[in-house]
Amino acid sequence: MSQRTLVLLKPDAVRRGLVGEIVGRIERKAGWTISAMELRTLDQDTLEQHYGEHKGKPFYEPLVEFMASGPVVALVVDGERVIEGVRALAGPTDPIAAAPGSIRGDFGTIVRENLIHASDSEESAIRELKIFFPGLS
């Protein structure tokens, strides 16, 4: 089943020079294509739209502050079972629990700064893509 998902390479991935490595892993996956990619610094409005469901939770403010701390790379990735696949490629949020070979398992250091965001469902992907790439059909 062909899908489309949002991937964000977070400020720590950009700062640490891991964009090429992570994008390369996505590009090497057979059947996946990157149909849009943009380097941008996220404003408060975008962050509130994206993380609004977490407002009021203890991790919300530190997360928004971290995501605004530097540029991110936003990507649209298309392909067969790409939502599930990118999340598997990313690995669990906790880098200690993430398997070697996953992005977080190979490069992650702490839970809060975990290198990559990938939509967790088709519904989330549709909502998130409208926030980051509103002109995309």
Protein backbone atom coordinates (compact mmCIF):
# COMPACT_ATOMS: atom_id res chain seq x y z
CA MET A 1 0.00 0.00 0.00
CA SER A 2 1.60 3.26 -1.11
CA GLN A 3 1.62 6.02 1.51
CA ARG A 4 3.04 9.46 2.16
CA THR A 5 4.58 10.57 5.45
CA LEU A 6 6.23 13.54 7.08
CA VAL A 7 9.77 13.18 8.39
CA LEU A 8 11.52 15.90 10.39
CA LEU A 9 15.24 15.79 10.98
CA LYS A 10 15.40 17.62 14.28
CA PRO A 11 17.83 20.38 15.30
CA ASP A 12 20.25 17.89 16.89
CA ALA A 13 20.52 15.94 13.60
CA VAL A 14 21.24 19.18 11.71
CA ARG A 15 23.75 20.43 14.34
CA ARG A 16 25.59 17.11 14.40
CA GLY A 17 25.88 16.91 10.59
CA LEU A 18 23.74 13.78 10.29
CA VAL A 19 21.33 15.03 7.61
CA GLY A 20 23.16 13.31 4.74
CA GLU A 21 23.46 10.03 6.64
CA ILE A 22 19.76 9.97 7.57
CA VAL A 23 18.53 11.10 4.14
CA GLY A 24 20.80 8.47 2.57
CA ARG A 25 19.22 5.73 4.65
CA ILE A 26 15.78 6.83 3.48
CA GLU A 27 16.89 7.09 -0.16
CA ARG A 28 18.47 3.63 -0.12
CA LYS A 29 15.23 1.97 0.94
CA ALA A 30 13.86 0.36 -2.22
CA GLY A 31 10.55 1.82 -3.31
CA TRP A 32 10.73 4.99 -1.19
CA THR A 33 11.15 8.44 -2.72
CA ILE A 34 11.62 11.88 -1.24
CA SER A 35 9.11 14.13 -2.99
CA ALA A 36 9.81 17.33 -1.02
CA MET A 37 12.59 18.54 1.27
CA GLU A 38 13.17 21.88 2.95
CA LEU A 39 15.52 23.33 5.57
CA ARG A 40 13.61 25.65 7.89
CA THR A 41 13.49 27.11 11.37
CA LEU A 42 10.14 26.38 12.98
CA ASP A 43 8.10 29.28 14.36
CA GLN A 44 5.91 29.13 17.46
CA ASP A 45 2.68 28.79 15.46
CA THR A 46 3.95 25.77 13.51
CA LEU A 47 5.23 24.13 16.67
CA GLU A 48 1.93 24.68 18.48
CA GLN A 49 0.00 23.17 15.56
CA HIS A 50 2.33 20.19 15.34
CA TYR A 51 2.62 19.43 19.06
CA GLY A 52 -0.73 20.85 20.23
CA GLU A 53 -2.00 17.49 21.46
CA HIS A 54 0.80 17.50 24.06
CA LYS A 55 0.15 20.99 25.44
CA GLY A 56 0.01 20.90 29.25
CA LYS A 57 2.17 17.76 29.51
CA PRO A 58 5.48 18.14 31.39
CA PHE A 59 7.60 17.55 28.28
CA TYR A 60 5.72 20.04 26.04
CA GLU A 61 7.65 23.25 26.81
CA PRO A 62 11.13 21.64 26.69
CA LEU A 63 10.16 19.91 23.42
CA VAL A 64 8.95 23.11 21.77
CA GLU A 65 12.04 24.96 23.01
CA PHE A 66 14.32 22.24 21.59
CA MET A 67 12.51 22.16 18.24
CA ALA A 68 12.87 25.96 17.95
CA SER A 69 16.59 25.84 18.87
CA GLY A 70 17.83 25.48 15.30
CA PRO A 71 16.84 24.54 11.78
CA VAL A 72 15.13 21.27 10.91
CA VAL A 73 14.92 19.43 7.62
CA ALA A 74 11.32 18.62 6.69
CA LEU A 75 10.79 15.83 4.17
CA VAL A 76 7.89 14.20 2.43
CA VAL A 77 8.57 10.52 1.82
CA ASP A 78 6.40 8.33 -0.41
CA GLY A 79 6.36 4.56 -0.74
CA GLU A 80 5.03 1.19 0.24
CA ARG A 81 4.23 1.03 3.98
CA VAL A 82 6.46 4.08 4.42
CA ILE A 83 4.79 5.24 7.66
CA GLU A 84 5.56 1.99 9.47
CA GLY A 85 8.89 1.66 7.68
CA VAL A 86 10.32 5.08 8.58
CA ARG A 87 9.30 4.61 12.20
CA ALA A 88 11.14 1.26 12.24
CA LEU A 89 14.16 2.89 10.59
CA ALA A 90 14.09 5.65 13.24
CA GLY A 91 13.88 3.20 16.15
CA PRO A 92 12.30 3.77 19.57
CA THR A 93 12.50 7.24 21.14
CA ASP A 94 14.88 6.00 23.83
CA PRO A 95 18.26 5.54 22.11
CA ILE A 96 19.30 2.90 24.65
CA ALA A 97 16.26 0.80 23.67
CA ALA A 98 16.81 1.41 19.95
CA ALA A 99 18.49 -1.41 18.06
CA PRO A 100 21.81 -0.95 16.30
CA GLY A 101 21.10 -0.18 12.66
CA SER A 102 18.27 2.19 13.51
CA ILE A 103 18.90 5.93 13.34
CA ARG A 104 18.39 6.42 17.07
CA GLY A 105 20.26 3.21 17.90
CA ASP A 106 23.29 4.33 15.92
CA PHE A 107 23.30 8.07 16.65
CA GLY A 108 20.89 8.83 19.53
CA THR A 109 22.17 10.12 22.85
CA ILE A 110 19.18 11.27 24.96
CA VAL A 111 15.41 10.78 24.78
CA ARG A 112 14.39 14.43 24.34
CA GLU A 113 16.84 15.13 21.51
CA ASN A 114 16.13 12.09 19.38
CA LEU A 115 17.14 13.17 15.87
CA ILE A 116 14.02 12.36 13.86
CA HIS A 117 10.24 12.63 13.83
CA ALA A 118 8.11 10.39 11.65
CA SER A 119 4.32 10.42 11.47
CA ASP A 120 2.82 7.57 13.50
CA SER A 121 -0.30 6.88 11.41
CA GLU A 122 -1.98 7.80 8.14
CA GLU A 123 -4.21 10.26 10.01
CA SER A 124 -1.20 11.93 11.64
CA ALA A 125 0.66 12.02 8.32
CA ILE A 126 -2.24 13.80 6.60
CA ARG A 127 -2.55 16.34 9.45
CA GLU A 128 1.21 16.95 9.72
CA LEU A 129 1.77 17.24 5.97
CA LYS A 130 -0.87 19.99 5.84
CA ILE A 131 1.09 21.90 8.51
CA PHE A 132 4.52 21.58 6.90
CA PHE A 133 3.69 21.33 3.19
CA PRO A 134 0.23 22.93 2.77
CA GLY A 135 0.61 23.29 -1.02
CA LEU A 136 1.28 19.59 -1.55
CA SER A 137 -1.59 17.59 -2.99
